[in-house]
Protein backbone atom coordinates (compact mmCIF):
# COMPACT_ATOMS: atom_id res chain seq x y z
CA MET A 1 -17.42 191.53 31.47
CA ASP A 2 -14.01 194.20 31.41
CA ASN A 3 -11.21 192.64 30.83
CA ALA A 4 -9.51 194.11 33.53
CA LEU A 5 -11.58 192.98 36.07
CA PHE A 6 -9.22 189.73 36.17
CA SER A 7 -6.21 191.44 36.25
CA ARG A 8 -4.31 189.89 39.03
CA ARG A 9 -4.21 192.68 41.30
CA ARG A 10 -7.64 194.25 40.68
CA ALA A 11 -9.04 190.59 41.25
CA GLU A 12 -6.90 189.39 44.00
CA ARG A 13 -7.35 193.36 46.02
CA PHE A 14 -11.54 193.07 45.18
CA ALA A 15 -11.03 189.32 47.02
CA GLN A 16 -9.45 191.20 50.08
CA LEU A 17 -12.32 193.66 50.54
CA LEU A 18 -14.45 191.60 50.07
CA ASP A 19 -13.10 189.37 53.37
CA GLU A 20 -12.27 192.93 55.02
CA ALA A 21 -16.32 193.68 54.22
CA ASN A 22 -16.75 190.04 55.68
CA GLY A 23 -15.26 190.31 58.71
CA GLY A 24 -11.46 189.19 57.83
CA ARG A 25 -8.29 190.08 58.26
CA ARG A 26 -7.42 193.76 57.31
CA HIS A 27 -5.03 194.54 54.70
CA HIS A 28 -3.80 197.58 56.07
CA VAL A 29 -3.16 198.61 52.25
CA ARG A 30 -5.30 201.08 49.93
CA SER A 31 -5.31 201.07 46.45
CA ARG A 32 -6.51 203.14 43.85
CA VAL A 33 -8.70 201.26 42.34
CA ASP A 34 -10.51 200.74 45.75
CA ASP A 35 -13.54 203.94 45.09
CA GLN A 36 -14.38 201.59 41.50
CA LEU A 37 -14.55 198.39 43.56
CA THR A 38 -16.00 199.42 46.42
CA PRO A 39 -19.86 199.23 45.30
CA LEU A 40 -19.02 196.10 44.37
CA VAL A 41 -18.38 194.55 47.76
CA GLY A 42 -21.15 196.60 48.71
CA LEU A 43 -23.31 194.39 46.58
CA GLY A 44 -21.44 191.27 47.65
CA ARG A 45 -22.50 192.21 50.66
CA GLN A 46 -26.10 192.12 50.68
CA LEU A 47 -25.48 189.06 47.84
CA THR A 48 -24.57 187.44 51.12
CA ALA A 49 -27.31 188.64 53.18
CA SER A 50 -29.80 188.29 51.08
CA PRO A 51 -28.51 185.56 48.68
CA PRO A 52 -30.94 185.06 46.14
CA GLU A 53 -32.58 181.40 43.83
CA PRO A 54 -31.90 182.55 40.09
CA GLU A 55 -32.80 181.14 36.76
CA VAL A 56 -29.63 180.47 34.80
CA ASP A 57 -29.80 180.50 31.51
CA PRO A 58 -28.35 177.25 30.60
CA GLU A 59 -26.42 178.85 27.80
CA PHE A 60 -25.33 181.58 29.88
CA ARG A 61 -23.50 178.77 32.69
CA ALA A 62 -21.89 176.40 29.51
CA GLY A 63 -20.42 179.66 28.26
CA LEU A 64 -19.45 180.85 32.19
CA ARG A 65 -18.09 177.30 32.47
CA ALA A 66 -16.45 176.79 29.07
CA MET A 67 -14.74 180.22 30.01
CA LEU A 68 -13.59 179.36 33.79
CA LEU A 69 -12.16 175.98 32.79
CA ALA A 70 -10.09 178.14 30.05
CA THR A 71 -8.66 180.50 32.49
CA ALA A 72 -7.61 177.74 34.24
CA GLU A 73 -6.27 176.29 31.76
CA ARG A 74 -3.81 179.37 30.96
CA GLU A 75 -3.21 180.14 34.43
CA GLY A 76 -1.96 176.61 35.21
CA ILE A 77 -4.53 176.44 38.09
CA ALA A 78 -5.78 172.70 37.35
CA ALA A 79 -2.12 171.70 36.00
CA PRO A 80 -1.01 168.27 37.91
CA ALA A 81 2.06 168.67 39.95
CA SER A 82 5.48 168.25 37.50
CA THR A 83 6.83 164.32 38.40
CA GLU A 84 10.46 165.90 37.82
CA LYS A 85 12.54 165.44 41.78
CA VAL A 86 12.75 168.70 43.16
CA GLY A 87 16.89 169.09 44.55
CA THR A 88 16.10 167.44 48.41
CA GLY A 89 15.03 164.84 46.71
CA ARG A 90 11.29 165.04 48.24
CA GLY A 91 8.34 164.04 46.06
CA ALA A 92 6.88 166.04 42.88
CA LEU A 93 5.55 168.72 45.16
CA LEU A 94 4.75 172.61 43.23
CA PRO A 95 6.95 175.38 45.29
CA ALA A 96 5.13 176.76 48.19
CA VAL A 97 4.53 179.69 46.75
CA THR A 98 3.60 179.08 43.29
CA ALA A 99 0.97 176.35 44.94
CA ARG A 100 -0.40 179.39 46.93
CA ARG A 101 -0.46 181.50 43.72
CA ALA A 102 -2.92 178.67 42.11
CA ARG A 103 -5.32 178.46 44.89
CA ALA A 104 -5.88 181.65 45.10
CA ARG A 105 -6.89 182.39 41.43
CA GLY A 106 -8.53 179.56 42.39
CA ALA A 107 -10.28 181.12 44.49
CA ILE A 108 -11.27 184.14 42.50
CA LEU A 109 -11.68 182.46 39.21
CA VAL A 110 -15.16 180.79 42.02
CA GLY A 111 -15.89 183.93 43.63
CA ILE A 112 -16.18 185.67 40.20
CA ALA A 113 -18.41 183.02 38.91
CA ALA A 114 -20.32 182.62 41.70
CA GLY A 115 -20.94 186.64 41.62
CA ALA A 116 -21.97 186.61 38.00
CA ILE A 117 -24.29 184.05 38.31
CA ALA A 118 -26.05 185.61 40.84
CA VAL A 119 -25.98 189.31 39.67
CA SER A 120 -27.74 187.73 36.24
CA GLY A 121 -30.70 185.88 38.35
CA ILE A 122 -30.97 189.24 40.69
CA SER A 123 -30.44 191.66 37.83
CA ALA A 124 -33.67 189.51 35.82
CA ALA A 125 -35.38 189.80 39.16
CA SER A 126 -34.92 192.96 40.11
CA GLU A 127 -35.35 194.29 36.00
CA ASN A 128 -38.92 195.75 36.97
CA ALA A 129 -38.10 196.83 40.21
CA VAL A 130 -39.45 200.92 40.60
CA PRO A 131 -38.91 202.92 43.40
CA GLY A 132 -40.54 201.70 46.37
CA ASP A 133 -40.05 198.24 45.33
CA ALA A 134 -38.29 195.53 47.65
CA LEU A 135 -35.64 194.89 44.79
CA TYR A 136 -35.21 198.25 43.56
CA GLY A 137 -32.13 198.99 46.06
CA MET A 138 -30.42 195.57 44.78
CA LYS A 139 -31.17 197.26 40.66
CA ARG A 140 -29.62 200.44 41.68
CA GLY A 141 -26.88 198.36 43.42
CA THR A 142 -25.82 196.56 40.29
CA GLU A 143 -26.38 199.39 37.82
CA ARG A 144 -23.31 200.83 40.06
CA ALA A 145 -21.29 197.65 39.70
CA GLN A 146 -21.65 197.65 36.30
CA LEU A 147 -19.86 201.09 36.28
CA ALA A 148 -17.59 200.02 38.06
CA LEU A 149 -16.25 197.40 35.32
CA ALA A 150 -16.75 199.57 32.57
CA SER A 151 -13.49 199.69 30.28
CA SER A 152 -13.67 203.03 28.97
CA GLU A 153 -15.53 206.58 28.94
CA ILE A 154 -17.36 206.02 25.46
CA SER A 155 -18.85 202.71 27.71
CA ARG A 156 -19.69 204.36 30.74
CA GLY A 157 -21.15 207.30 28.64
CA GLN A 158 -23.33 204.58 27.03
CA LEU A 159 -24.45 202.84 30.36
CA PHE A 160 -25.45 206.47 31.50
CA LEU A 161 -27.83 206.42 29.00
CA ASP A 162 -29.13 203.22 29.26
CA PHE A 163 -29.83 203.88 33.28
CA ALA A 164 -31.77 207.11 31.94
CA ARG A 165 -33.82 204.79 29.44
CA THR A 166 -34.01 203.12 32.37
CA ARG A 167 -35.18 205.59 34.59
CA LEU A 168 -37.54 206.33 31.48
CA ALA A 169 -39.45 203.11 32.04
CA GLU A 170 -39.62 203.18 35.47
CA ALA A 171 -40.82 207.06 35.04
CA SER A 172 -43.93 205.44 32.28
CA ALA A 173 -44.70 202.61 34.97
CA LEU A 174 -45.23 205.84 37.62
CA HIS A 175 -47.26 207.95 35.77
CA GLY A 176 -50.58 209.26 36.77
CA SER A 177 -51.54 206.37 39.34
CA ARG A 178 -47.94 206.64 41.64
CA SER A 179 -45.90 209.11 43.22
CA GLY A 180 -42.23 209.64 42.27
CA TYR A 181 -42.81 210.23 38.62
CA GLY A 182 -40.93 213.67 39.02
CA ALA A 183 -38.05 212.26 41.43
CA VAL A 184 -37.08 209.60 39.12
CA LEU A 185 -37.15 212.06 35.91
CA ASP A 186 -34.54 213.99 38.01
CA ASP A 187 -32.65 210.60 38.47
CA MET A 188 -32.83 210.48 34.33
CA ASP A 189 -31.81 214.20 33.76
CA ALA A 190 -28.82 213.28 35.62
CA ASP A 191 -28.59 210.00 33.68
CA THR A 192 -28.94 211.68 30.71
CA ARG A 193 -25.75 214.66 31.42
CA GLN A 194 -23.28 212.55 32.76
CA GLY A 195 -23.23 209.62 29.74
CA VAL A 196 -23.79 212.80 27.32
CA ARG A 197 -21.06 214.52 28.89
CA LEU A 198 -18.52 211.57 28.61
CA LEU A 199 -20.12 211.07 24.67
CA THR A 200 -18.95 214.37 23.81
CA ALA A 201 -16.05 214.52 25.90
CA ALA A 202 -14.75 211.73 23.75
CA ALA A 203 -15.62 212.63 20.61
CA VAL A 204 -13.90 215.69 21.16
CA GLN A 205 -10.48 214.35 22.71
CA ARG A 206 -10.38 211.93 19.66
CA SER A 207 -11.69 214.37 16.45
CA ASP A 208 -14.18 212.03 15.99
CA PRO A 209 -17.95 212.75 16.05
CA ALA A 210 -18.25 207.79 15.97
CA ALA A 211 -19.39 208.72 20.23
CA LEU A 212 -21.94 210.96 19.15
CA ASP A 213 -23.94 207.88 17.12
CA ALA A 214 -24.90 206.73 21.03
CA VAL A 215 -26.68 210.19 21.54
CA ASP A 216 -27.42 210.16 18.33
CA ALA A 217 -29.40 206.74 19.09
CA PHE A 218 -30.61 207.30 22.57
CA LEU A 219 -32.58 210.69 21.69
CA VAL A 220 -34.66 209.47 18.82
CA PRO A 221 -36.65 206.41 21.16
CA GLN A 222 -36.88 208.47 24.48
CA ARG A 223 -37.80 211.63 23.13
CA ARG A 224 -41.44 209.41 21.14
CA THR A 225 -41.72 208.07 24.49
CA LEU A 226 -42.22 211.29 26.55
CA ASP A 227 -43.52 212.91 24.49
CA ALA A 228 -46.63 209.96 24.94
CA LEU A 229 -46.29 211.13 28.55
CA ARG A 230 -46.67 215.05 28.35
CA ASP A 231 -49.88 215.40 27.27
CA SER A 232 -51.54 212.85 30.68
CA GLY A 233 -51.27 213.24 33.85
CA SER A 234 -51.62 215.90 36.40
CA ARG A 235 -50.70 219.67 36.03
CA THR A 236 -47.51 218.67 37.59
CA ASP A 237 -46.54 215.81 36.11
CA ARG A 238 -47.01 217.71 32.16
CA GLU A 239 -44.96 220.06 33.68
CA ARG A 240 -41.96 218.11 34.61
CA THR A 241 -42.21 215.87 31.30
CA ALA A 242 -41.73 219.31 29.92
CA GLN A 243 -38.15 220.10 31.08
CA SER A 244 -36.91 216.66 30.15
CA LEU A 245 -38.28 217.19 26.66
CA LYS A 246 -36.01 220.35 26.58
CA LEU A 247 -33.01 219.05 27.88
CA LEU A 248 -32.99 216.32 25.14
CA ALA A 249 -33.72 219.38 22.30
CA SER A 250 -30.32 221.05 24.50
CA VAL A 251 -29.10 217.80 23.54
CA THR A 252 -29.54 217.42 20.17
CA GLU A 253 -28.58 220.70 19.63
CA ARG A 254 -24.78 220.63 21.65
CA ALA A 255 -24.29 217.06 19.44
CA ASP A 256 -25.13 218.29 16.26
CA ALA A 257 -22.98 221.39 16.75
CA LEU A 258 -20.11 219.37 17.91
CA ARG A 259 -19.79 217.10 15.04
CA THR A 260 -20.03 220.32 12.55
CA THR A 261 -17.32 221.63 14.61
CA ILE A 262 -15.02 218.22 14.38
CA ALA A 263 -16.38 218.10 10.48
CA CYS A 264 -14.49 222.04 9.91
CA GLY A 265 -11.77 220.82 11.50
CA GLN A 266 -11.78 224.50 14.00
CA PRO A 267 -10.15 223.44 17.51
CA VAL A 268 -12.72 223.11 20.21
CA GLY A 269 -11.80 224.95 23.42
CA SER A 270 -11.60 223.76 27.00
CA ALA A 271 -15.01 225.46 27.96
CA SER A 272 -17.09 222.79 28.79
CA ASP A 273 -20.76 222.50 31.04
CA SER A 274 -23.59 220.11 32.15
CA LEU A 275 -23.47 218.75 28.92
CA GLY A 276 -19.37 218.83 28.13
CA PRO A 277 -17.51 220.57 25.87
CA LEU A 278 -18.95 223.87 23.68
CA PRO A 279 -18.76 223.70 20.54
CA GLY A 280 -16.22 225.54 18.61
CA THR A 281 -17.08 228.45 15.66
CA CYS A 282 -16.27 227.16 12.17
CA THR A 283 -15.15 230.13 9.63
């Protein structure tokens, strides 16, 4: 999980949005992270409406418990009240504001724990869902939550390529037997473009081709699987598969050209397209 989730402001705002979504008092504030947290709030409401019965990996449970205990100790949530007298001679009580903060932090940790366990169970249950299945919407909601938690543009780019791999697995399951094959490939190509655009932009901004390694690792198995689908199915499906293969060829060409541009030290202009920055010309 992104460490930003545990920052106080972000976590407290997430708690406020969840409270409002469940009918609680409106806080009449607007935060710049609201757009990022909205998918998580939607997922939270879905979990409330249809609570899952996840089978949590014992190792995951043990690791989560250890993390929560360490965080509680660091934040002073479980610390005993001080035995020193305070001011007027009243007993050893935490100041009211400190107690409220401790309770709020505790509630946030409990929410994070419950959410982590629930999401892990849903992710496992919906992993093989395809369009038309009952859990498919939850599967896509979980993906949006992952994007909201991504810590950098590179992480987001890698996630989009992971989603493109997932879409291809779904298309393979639909190929030749169920409708929706072309629509899933449309989503796959959209995820591919998003991921490639973020990673190529990062490589150019840093003048470092390392971000392109994720693109290369994505291309080889993706092309192999599409090649296996190209020669079967209806004529419409074959033509649609060819379009996705053409996109992968364009991605390969773009990644290679940007590597060359970065290697020769030539600046890359501001021009870009759906695959990100356009490469410069080496002299």
